[in-house]
Amino acid sequence: MPNTSIETSINASINEETKFWVALSRVPQLGTVSFRRLEAYFGKLENVWKASYNELKAAGLEDRPANEILAARNNSSPDDEMAALE
């Protein structure tokens, strides 16, 4: 049975969020507690990935993990991280 447009939309949203989860999970110094705090603060992991240093700090992140996220963003992309898994 083919996917409905709603199922396709849901699957696309899950895949989008997954790639940001994978990319952020590879950030050194970003533990489970901080990861969940950022997810709760920003609502979507894509927003975490795109956040500025000041936004990450406002979410309660310490200097080192905030800088690690910025470095990861400059050195890789969520799409590349997903491609590496395939």
PDB file of N, CA and C in Angstrom:
ATOM      1  N   MET A   1       0.847  -1.179   0.000  1.00  0.00           N
ATOM      2  CA  MET A   1       0.000   0.000   0.000  1.00  0.00           C
ATOM      3  C   MET A   1       0.895   1.246   0.000  1.00  0.00           C
ATOM      4  N   PRO A   2       0.697   2.159  -0.919  1.00  0.00           N
ATOM      5  CA  PRO A   2       1.540   3.359  -0.994  1.00  0.00           C
ATOM      6  C   PRO A   2       1.328   4.278   0.201  1.00  0.00           C
ATOM      7  N   ASN A   3       2.370   5.031   0.500  1.00  0.00           N
ATOM      8  CA  ASN A   3       2.286   6.009   1.590  1.00  0.00           C
ATOM      9  C   ASN A   3       1.322   7.127   1.227  1.00  0.00           C
ATOM     10  N   THR A   4       0.602   7.595   2.220  1.00  0.00           N
ATOM     11  CA  THR A   4      -0.228   8.777   2.027  1.00  0.00           C
ATOM     12  C   THR A   4       0.660  10.004   2.128  1.00  0.00           C
ATOM     13  N   SER A   5       0.145  11.129   1.735  1.00  0.00           N
ATOM     14  CA  SER A   5       0.948  12.355   1.825  1.00  0.00           C
ATOM     15  C   SER A   5       1.278  12.693   3.275  1.00  0.00           C
ATOM     16  N   ILE A   6       0.394  12.347   4.201  1.00  0.00           N
ATOM     17  CA  ILE A   6       0.669  12.586   5.624  1.00  0.00           C
ATOM     18  C   ILE A   6       1.814  11.700   6.087  1.00  0.00           C
ATOM     19  N   GLU A   7       1.791  10.414   5.715  1.00  0.00           N
ATOM     20  CA  GLU A   7       2.878   9.506   6.093  1.00  0.00           C
ATOM     21  C   GLU A   7       4.197   9.960   5.487  1.00  0.00           C
ATOM     22  N   THR A   8       4.166  10.382   4.248  1.00  0.00           N
ATOM     23  CA  THR A   8       5.371  10.869   3.587  1.00  0.00           C
ATOM     24  C   THR A   8       5.917  12.095   4.304  1.00  0.00           C
ATOM     25  N   SER A   9       5.045  12.997   4.692  1.00  0.00           N
ATOM     26  CA  SER A   9       5.451  14.201   5.415  1.00  0.00           C
ATOM     27  C   SER A   9       6.050  13.858   6.774  1.00  0.00           C
ATOM     28  N   ILE A  10       5.434  12.933   7.484  1.00  0.00           N
ATOM     29  CA  ILE A  10       5.946  12.505   8.791  1.00  0.00           C
ATOM     30  C   ILE A  10       7.311  11.858   8.632  1.00  0.00           C
ATOM     31  N   ASN A  11       7.450  10.966   7.651  1.00  0.00           N
ATOM     32  CA  ASN A  11       8.734  10.306   7.419  1.00  0.00           C
ATOM     33  C   ASN A  11       9.820  11.310   7.058  1.00  0.00           C
ATOM     34  N   ALA A  12       9.487  12.308   6.260  1.00  0.00           N
ATOM     35  CA  ALA A  12      10.464  13.338   5.899  1.00  0.00           C
ATOM     36  C   ALA A  12      10.897  14.121   7.131  1.00  0.00           C
ATOM     37  N   SER A  13       9.954  14.441   8.012  1.00  0.00           N
ATOM     38  CA  SER A  13      10.280  15.166   9.246  1.00  0.00           C
ATOM     39  C   SER A  13      11.179  14.341  10.143  1.00  0.00           C
ATOM     40  N   ILE A  14      10.891  13.055  10.248  1.00  0.00           N
ATOM     41  CA  ILE A  14      11.712  12.165  11.072  1.00  0.00           C
ATOM     42  C   ILE A  14      13.114  12.081  10.494  1.00  0.00           C
ATOM     43  N   ASN A  15      13.236  11.930   9.180  1.00  0.00           N
ATOM     44  CA  ASN A  15      14.550  11.849   8.552  1.00  0.00           C
ATOM     45  C   ASN A  15      15.331  13.143   8.723  1.00  0.00           C
ATOM     46  N   GLU A  16      14.670  14.276   8.619  1.00  0.00           N
ATOM     47  CA  GLU A  16      15.333  15.564   8.830  1.00  0.00           C
ATOM     48  C   GLU A  16      15.866  15.659  10.256  1.00  0.00           C
ATOM     49  N   GLU A  17      15.047  15.315  11.222  1.00  0.00           N
ATOM     50  CA  GLU A  17      15.453  15.404  12.625  1.00  0.00           C
ATOM     51  C   GLU A  17      16.570  14.402  12.921  1.00  0.00           C
ATOM     52  N   THR A  18      16.495  13.222  12.303  1.00  0.00           N
ATOM     53  CA  THR A  18      17.505  12.188  12.526  1.00  0.00           C
ATOM     54  C   THR A  18      18.883  12.653  12.106  1.00  0.00           C
ATOM     55  N   LYS A  19      18.983  13.331  10.979  1.00  0.00           N
ATOM     56  CA  LYS A  19      20.312  13.747  10.525  1.00  0.00           C
ATOM     57  C   LYS A  19      20.936  14.756  11.484  1.00  0.00           C
ATOM     58  N   PHE A  20      20.123  15.603  12.091  1.00  0.00           N
ATOM     59  CA  PHE A  20      20.664  16.545  13.076  1.00  0.00           C
ATOM     60  C   PHE A  20      21.006  15.825  14.378  1.00  0.00           C
ATOM     61  N   TRP A  21      20.231  14.803  14.728  1.00  0.00           N
ATOM     62  CA  TRP A  21      20.539  13.992  15.910  1.00  0.00           C
ATOM     63  C   TRP A  21      21.892  13.319  15.725  1.00  0.00           C
ATOM     64  N   VAL A  22      22.112  12.725  14.553  1.00  0.00           N
ATOM     65  CA  VAL A  22      23.383  12.046  14.276  1.00  0.00           C
ATOM     66  C   VAL A  22      24.532  13.042  14.348  1.00  0.00           C
ATOM     67  N   ALA A  23      24.390  14.178  13.696  1.00  0.00           N
ATOM     68  CA  ALA A  23      25.466  15.177  13.688  1.00  0.00           C
ATOM     69  C   ALA A  23      25.779  15.673  15.095  1.00  0.00           C
ATOM     70  N   LEU A  24      24.754  15.982  15.868  1.00  0.00           N
ATOM     71  CA  LEU A  24      24.978  16.483  17.229  1.00  0.00           C
ATOM     72  C   LEU A  24      25.501  15.399  18.159  1.00  0.00           C
ATOM     73  N   SER A  25      25.117  14.159  17.922  1.00  0.00           N
ATOM     74  CA  SER A  25      25.588  13.078  18.793  1.00  0.00           C
ATOM     75  C   SER A  25      27.086  12.844  18.637  1.00  0.00           C
ATOM     76  N   ARG A  26      27.667  13.334  17.568  1.00  0.00           N
ATOM     77  CA  ARG A  26      29.105  13.184  17.329  1.00  0.00           C
ATOM     78  C   ARG A  26      29.928  14.357  17.876  1.00  0.00           C
ATOM     79  N   VAL A  27      29.264  15.314  18.472  1.00  0.00           N
ATOM     80  CA  VAL A  27      29.966  16.484  19.015  1.00  0.00           C
ATOM     81  C   VAL A  27      30.608  16.109  20.347  1.00  0.00           C
ATOM     82  N   PRO A  28      31.947  16.233  20.425  1.00  0.00           N
ATOM     83  CA  PRO A  28      32.605  15.961  21.703  1.00  0.00           C
ATOM     84  C   PRO A  28      32.114  16.957  22.764  1.00  0.00           C
ATOM     85  N   GLN A  29      32.112  16.541  23.978  1.00  0.00           N
ATOM     86  CA  GLN A  29      31.733  17.393  25.115  1.00  0.00           C
ATOM     87  C   GLN A  29      30.238  17.670  25.213  1.00  0.00           C
ATOM     88  N   LEU A  30      29.432  17.061  24.348  1.00  0.00           N
ATOM     89  CA  LEU A  30      27.986  17.255  24.421  1.00  0.00           C
ATOM     90  C   LEU A  30      27.371  15.966  24.960  1.00  0.00           C
ATOM     91  N   GLY A  31      27.097  15.970  26.254  1.00  0.00           N
ATOM     92  CA  GLY A  31      26.548  14.791  26.907  1.00  0.00           C
ATOM     93  C   GLY A  31      25.037  14.706  26.788  1.00  0.00           C
ATOM     94  N   THR A  32      24.502  13.637  27.328  1.00  0.00           N
ATOM     95  CA  THR A  32      23.067  13.367  27.247  1.00  0.00           C
ATOM     96  C   THR A  32      22.234  14.467  27.894  1.00  0.00           C
ATOM     97  N   VAL A  33      22.640  14.921  29.068  1.00  0.00           N
ATOM     98  CA  VAL A  33      21.868  15.947  29.775  1.00  0.00           C
ATOM     99  C   VAL A  33      21.844  17.245  28.968  1.00  0.00           C
ATOM    100  N   SER A  34      22.988  17.669  28.484  1.00  0.00           N
ATOM    101  CA  SER A  34      23.051  18.897  27.678  1.00  0.00           C
ATOM    102  C   SER A  34      22.278  18.737  26.373  1.00  0.00           C
ATOM    103  N   PHE A  35      22.399  17.565  25.761  1.00  0.00           N
ATOM    104  CA  PHE A  35      21.694  17.284  24.509  1.00  0.00           C
ATOM    105  C   PHE A  35      20.193  17.453  24.705  1.00  0.00           C
ATOM    106  N   ARG A  36      19.667  16.847  25.763  1.00  0.00           N
ATOM    107  CA  ARG A  36      18.225  16.922  26.032  1.00  0.00           C
ATOM    108  C   ARG A  36      17.800  18.345  26.415  1.00  0.00           C
ATOM    109  N   ARG A  37      18.659  19.044  27.145  1.00  0.00           N
ATOM    110  CA  ARG A  37      18.356  20.430  27.510  1.00  0.00           C
ATOM    111  C   ARG A  37      18.243  21.288  26.254  1.00  0.00           C
ATOM    112  N   LEU A  38      19.172  21.108  25.335  1.00  0.00           N
ATOM    113  CA  LEU A  38      19.140  21.877  24.091  1.00  0.00           C
ATOM    114  C   LEU A  38      17.911  21.536  23.251  1.00  0.00           C
ATOM    115  N   GLU A  39      17.595  20.257  23.191  1.00  0.00           N
ATOM    116  CA  GLU A  39      16.420  19.828  22.431  1.00  0.00           C
ATOM    117  C   GLU A  39      15.144  20.452  23.009  1.00  0.00           C
ATOM    118  N   ALA A  40      15.049  20.473  24.331  1.00  0.00           N
ATOM    119  CA  ALA A  40      13.875  21.065  24.984  1.00  0.00           C
ATOM    120  C   ALA A  40      13.834  22.582  24.762  1.00  0.00           C
ATOM    121  N   TYR A  41      14.970  23.222  24.838  1.00  0.00           N
ATOM    122  CA  TYR A  41      15.040  24.679  24.700  1.00  0.00           C
ATOM    123  C   TYR A  41      14.715  25.135  23.276  1.00  0.00           C
ATOM    124  N   PHE A  42      15.314  24.458  22.287  1.00  0.00           N
ATOM    125  CA  PHE A  42      15.174  24.888  20.896  1.00  0.00           C
ATOM    126  C   PHE A  42      14.000  24.246  20.165  1.00  0.00           C
ATOM    127  N   GLY A  43      13.444  23.177  20.720  1.00  0.00           N
ATOM    128  CA  GLY A  43      12.293  22.528  20.096  1.00  0.00           C
ATOM    129  C   GLY A  43      12.646  21.515  19.028  1.00  0.00           C
ATOM    130  N   LYS A  44      13.585  21.855  18.182  1.00  0.00           N
ATOM    131  CA  LYS A  44      14.026  20.957  17.117  1.00  0.00           C
ATOM    132  C   LYS A  44      15.548  20.934  17.107  1.00  0.00           C
ATOM    133  N   LEU A  45      16.107  19.768  16.783  1.00  0.00           N
ATOM    134  CA  LEU A  45      17.559  19.649  16.740  1.00  0.00           C
ATOM    135  C   LEU A  45      18.168  20.474  15.612  1.00  0.00           C
ATOM    136  N   GLU A  46      17.420  20.701  14.565  1.00  0.00           N
ATOM    137  CA  GLU A  46      17.899  21.575  13.491  1.00  0.00           C
ATOM    138  C   GLU A  46      18.177  22.974  14.039  1.00  0.00           C
ATOM    139  N   ASN A  47      17.326  23.439  14.941  1.00  0.00           N
ATOM    140  CA  ASN A  47      17.525  24.757  15.550  1.00  0.00           C
ATOM    141  C   ASN A  47      18.769  24.780  16.428  1.00  0.00           C
ATOM    142  N   VAL A  48      19.051  23.667  17.098  1.00  0.00           N
ATOM    143  CA  VAL A  48      20.283  23.564  17.893  1.00  0.00           C
ATOM    144  C   VAL A  48      21.477  23.686  16.958  1.00  0.00           C
ATOM    145  N   TRP A  49      21.454  22.917  15.875  1.00  0.00           N
ATOM    146  CA  TRP A  49      22.569  22.896  14.921  1.00  0.00           C
ATOM    147  C   TRP A  49      22.839  24.288  14.350  1.00  0.00           C
ATOM    148  N   LYS A  50      21.798  25.054  14.109  1.00  0.00           N
ATOM    149  CA  LYS A  50      21.932  26.365  13.476  1.00  0.00           C
ATOM    150  C   LYS A  50      22.107  27.513  14.475  1.00  0.00           C
ATOM    151  N   ALA A  51      22.057  27.214  15.759  1.00  0.00           N
ATOM    152  CA  ALA A  51      22.116  28.255  16.786  1.00  0.00           C
ATOM    153  C   ALA A  51      23.484  28.934  16.837  1.00  0.00           C
ATOM    154  N   SER A  52      23.463  30.195  17.205  1.00  0.00           N
ATOM    155  CA  SER A  52      24.701  30.948  17.407  1.00  0.00           C
ATOM    156  C   SER A  52      25.295  30.583  18.770  1.00  0.00           C
ATOM    157  N   TYR A  53      26.514  31.013  18.965  1.00  0.00           N
ATOM    158  CA  TYR A  53      27.177  30.795  20.252  1.00  0.00           C
ATOM    159  C   TYR A  53      26.338  31.393  21.383  1.00  0.00           C
ATOM    160  N   ASN A  54      25.878  32.622  21.207  1.00  0.00           N
ATOM    161  CA  ASN A  54      25.085  33.280  22.255  1.00  0.00           C
ATOM    162  C   ASN A  54      23.774  32.556  22.522  1.00  0.00           C
ATOM    163  N   GLU A  55      23.149  32.025  21.481  1.00  0.00           N
ATOM    164  CA  GLU A  55      21.912  31.261  21.668  1.00  0.00           C
ATOM    165  C   GLU A  55      22.181  29.967  22.428  1.00  0.00           C
ATOM    166  N   LEU A  56      23.283  29.309  22.116  1.00  0.00           N
ATOM    167  CA  LEU A  56      23.645  28.079  22.833  1.00  0.00           C
ATOM    168  C   LEU A  56      23.931  28.381  24.303  1.00  0.00           C
ATOM    169  N   LYS A  57      24.606  29.485  24.555  1.00  0.00           N
ATOM    170  CA  LYS A  57      24.886  29.891  25.938  1.00  0.00           C
ATOM    171  C   LYS A  57      23.591  30.230  26.672  1.00  0.00           C
ATOM    172  N   ALA A  58      22.664  30.905  25.998  1.00  0.00           N
ATOM    173  CA  ALA A  58      21.378  31.258  26.610  1.00  0.00           C
ATOM    174  C   ALA A  58      20.582  30.010  26.974  1.00  0.00           C
ATOM    175  N   ALA A  59      20.828  28.930  26.249  1.00  0.00           N
ATOM    176  CA  ALA A  59      20.148  27.661  26.528  1.00  0.00           C
ATOM    177  C   ALA A  59      20.787  26.925  27.701  1.00  0.00           C
ATOM    178  N   GLY A  60      21.868  27.482  28.244  1.00  0.00           N
ATOM    179  CA  GLY A  60      22.504  26.896  29.414  1.00  0.00           C
ATOM    180  C   GLY A  60      23.740  26.069  29.125  1.00  0.00           C
ATOM    181  N   LEU A  61      24.229  26.129  27.899  1.00  0.00           N
ATOM    182  CA  LEU A  61      25.405  25.348  27.536  1.00  0.00           C
ATOM    183  C   LEU A  61      26.675  26.057  27.993  1.00  0.00           C
ATOM    184  N   GLU A  62      27.644  25.285  28.422  1.00  0.00           N
ATOM    185  CA  GLU A  62      28.947  25.830  28.814  1.00  0.00           C
ATOM    186  C   GLU A  62      29.738  26.217  27.559  1.00  0.00           C
ATOM    187  N   ASP A  63      30.842  26.957  27.762  1.00  0.00           N
ATOM    188  CA  ASP A  63      31.657  27.438  26.646  1.00  0.00           C
ATOM    189  C   ASP A  63      32.166  26.314  25.747  1.00  0.00           C
ATOM    190  N   ARG A  64      32.769  25.304  26.353  1.00  0.00           N
ATOM    191  CA  ARG A  64      33.424  24.264  25.554  1.00  0.00           C
ATOM    192  C   ARG A  64      32.450  23.510  24.644  1.00  0.00           C
ATOM    193  N   PRO A  65      31.332  22.978  25.166  1.00  0.00           N
ATOM    194  CA  PRO A  65      30.419  22.295  24.243  1.00  0.00           C
ATOM    195  C   PRO A  65      29.793  23.236  23.208  1.00  0.00           C
ATOM    196  N   ALA A  66      29.569  24.491  23.578  1.00  0.00           N
ATOM    197  CA  ALA A  66      29.036  25.455  22.600  1.00  0.00           C
ATOM    198  C   ALA A  66      30.028  25.637  21.456  1.00  0.00           C
ATOM    199  N   ASN A  67      31.296  25.779  21.798  1.00  0.00           N
ATOM    200  CA  ASN A  67      32.330  25.913  20.768  1.00  0.00           C
ATOM    201  C   ASN A  67      32.475  24.643  19.946  1.00  0.00           C
ATOM    202  N   GLU A  68      32.297  23.489  20.575  1.00  0.00           N
ATOM    203  CA  GLU A  68      32.383  22.210  19.856  1.00  0.00           C
ATOM    204  C   GLU A  68      31.260  22.088  18.824  1.00  0.00           C
ATOM    205  N   ILE A  69      30.069  22.556  19.153  1.00  0.00           N
ATOM    206  CA  ILE A  69      28.961  22.524  18.189  1.00  0.00           C
ATOM    207  C   ILE A  69      29.288  23.422  17.003  1.00  0.00           C
ATOM    208  N   LEU A  70      29.801  24.606  17.277  1.00  0.00           N
ATOM    209  CA  LEU A  70      30.160  25.524  16.192  1.00  0.00           C
ATOM    210  C   LEU A  70      31.262  24.937  15.321  1.00  0.00           C
ATOM    211  N   ALA A  71      32.241  24.286  15.936  1.00  0.00           N
ATOM    212  CA  ALA A  71      33.320  23.653  15.178  1.00  0.00           C
ATOM    213  C   ALA A  71      32.780  22.511  14.320  1.00  0.00           C
ATOM    214  N   ALA A  72      31.889  21.708  14.893  1.00  0.00           N
ATOM    215  CA  ALA A  72      31.300  20.600  14.132  1.00  0.00           C
ATOM    216  C   ALA A  72      30.529  21.131  12.934  1.00  0.00           C
ATOM    217  N   ARG A  73      29.802  22.201  13.146  1.00  0.00           N
ATOM    218  CA  ARG A  73      29.011  22.801  12.070  1.00  0.00           C
ATOM    219  C   ARG A  73      29.908  23.326  10.950  1.00  0.00           C
ATOM    220  N   ASN A  74      31.083  23.827  11.312  1.00  0.00           N
ATOM    221  CA  ASN A  74      32.020  24.339  10.310  1.00  0.00           C
ATOM    222  C   ASN A  74      32.765  23.234   9.577  1.00  0.00           C
ATOM    223  N   ASN A  75      32.845  22.039  10.189  1.00  0.00           N
ATOM    224  CA  ASN A  75      33.649  20.956   9.628  1.00  0.00           C
ATOM    225  C   ASN A  75      32.854  19.825   8.999  1.00  0.00           C
ATOM    226  N   SER A  76      31.552  19.812   9.184  1.00  0.00           N
ATOM    227  CA  SER A  76      30.745  18.730   8.620  1.00  0.00           C
ATOM    228  C   SER A  76      29.318  19.219   8.428  1.00  0.00           C
ATOM    229  N   SER A  77      28.522  18.360   7.838  1.00  0.00           N
ATOM    230  CA  SER A  77      27.108  18.687   7.678  1.00  0.00           C
ATOM    231  C   SER A  77      26.279  17.476   8.084  1.00  0.00           C
ATOM    232  N   PRO A  78      25.064  17.693   8.533  1.00  0.00           N
ATOM    233  CA  PRO A  78      24.199  16.568   8.874  1.00  0.00           C
ATOM    234  C   PRO A  78      23.991  15.617   7.696  1.00  0.00           C
ATOM    235  N   ASP A  79      23.919  16.146   6.488  1.00  0.00           N
ATOM    236  CA  ASP A  79      23.761  15.286   5.312  1.00  0.00           C
ATOM    237  C   ASP A  79      24.985  14.393   5.121  1.00  0.00           C
ATOM    238  N   ASP A  80      26.179  14.948   5.325  1.00  0.00           N
ATOM    239  CA  ASP A  80      27.403  14.149   5.221  1.00  0.00           C
ATOM    240  C   ASP A  80      27.445  13.061   6.289  1.00  0.00           C
ATOM    241  N   GLU A  81      27.013  13.403   7.490  1.00  0.00           N
ATOM    242  CA  GLU A  81      26.991  12.424   8.581  1.00  0.00           C
ATOM    243  C   GLU A  81      26.051  11.270   8.246  1.00  0.00           C
ATOM    244  N   MET A  82      24.901  11.580   7.676  1.00  0.00           N
ATOM    245  CA  MET A  82      23.951  10.529   7.294  1.00  0.00           C
ATOM    246  C   MET A  82      24.511   9.683   6.157  1.00  0.00           C
ATOM    247  N   ALA A  83      25.152  10.318   5.189  1.00  0.00           N
ATOM    248  CA  ALA A  83      25.733   9.580   4.065  1.00  0.00           C
ATOM    249  C   ALA A  83      26.804   8.611   4.547  1.00  0.00           C
ATOM    250  N   ALA A  84      27.550   9.010   5.565  1.00  0.00           N
ATOM    251  CA  ALA A  84      28.589   8.136   6.113  1.00  0.00           C
ATOM    252  C   ALA A  84      27.996   6.890   6.760  1.00  0.00           C
ATOM    253  N   LEU A  85      26.760   6.979   7.214  1.00  0.00           N
ATOM    254  CA  LEU A  85      26.103   5.830   7.840  1.00  0.00           C
ATOM    255  C   LEU A  85      25.532   4.857   6.819  1.00  0.00           C
ATOM    256  N   GLU A  86      25.295   5.325   5.608  1.00  0.00           N
ATOM    257  CA  GLU A  86      24.640   4.487   4.593  1.00  0.00           C
ATOM    258  C   GLU A  86      25.598   3.584   3.880  1.00  0.00           C
TER     259      GLU A  86
END
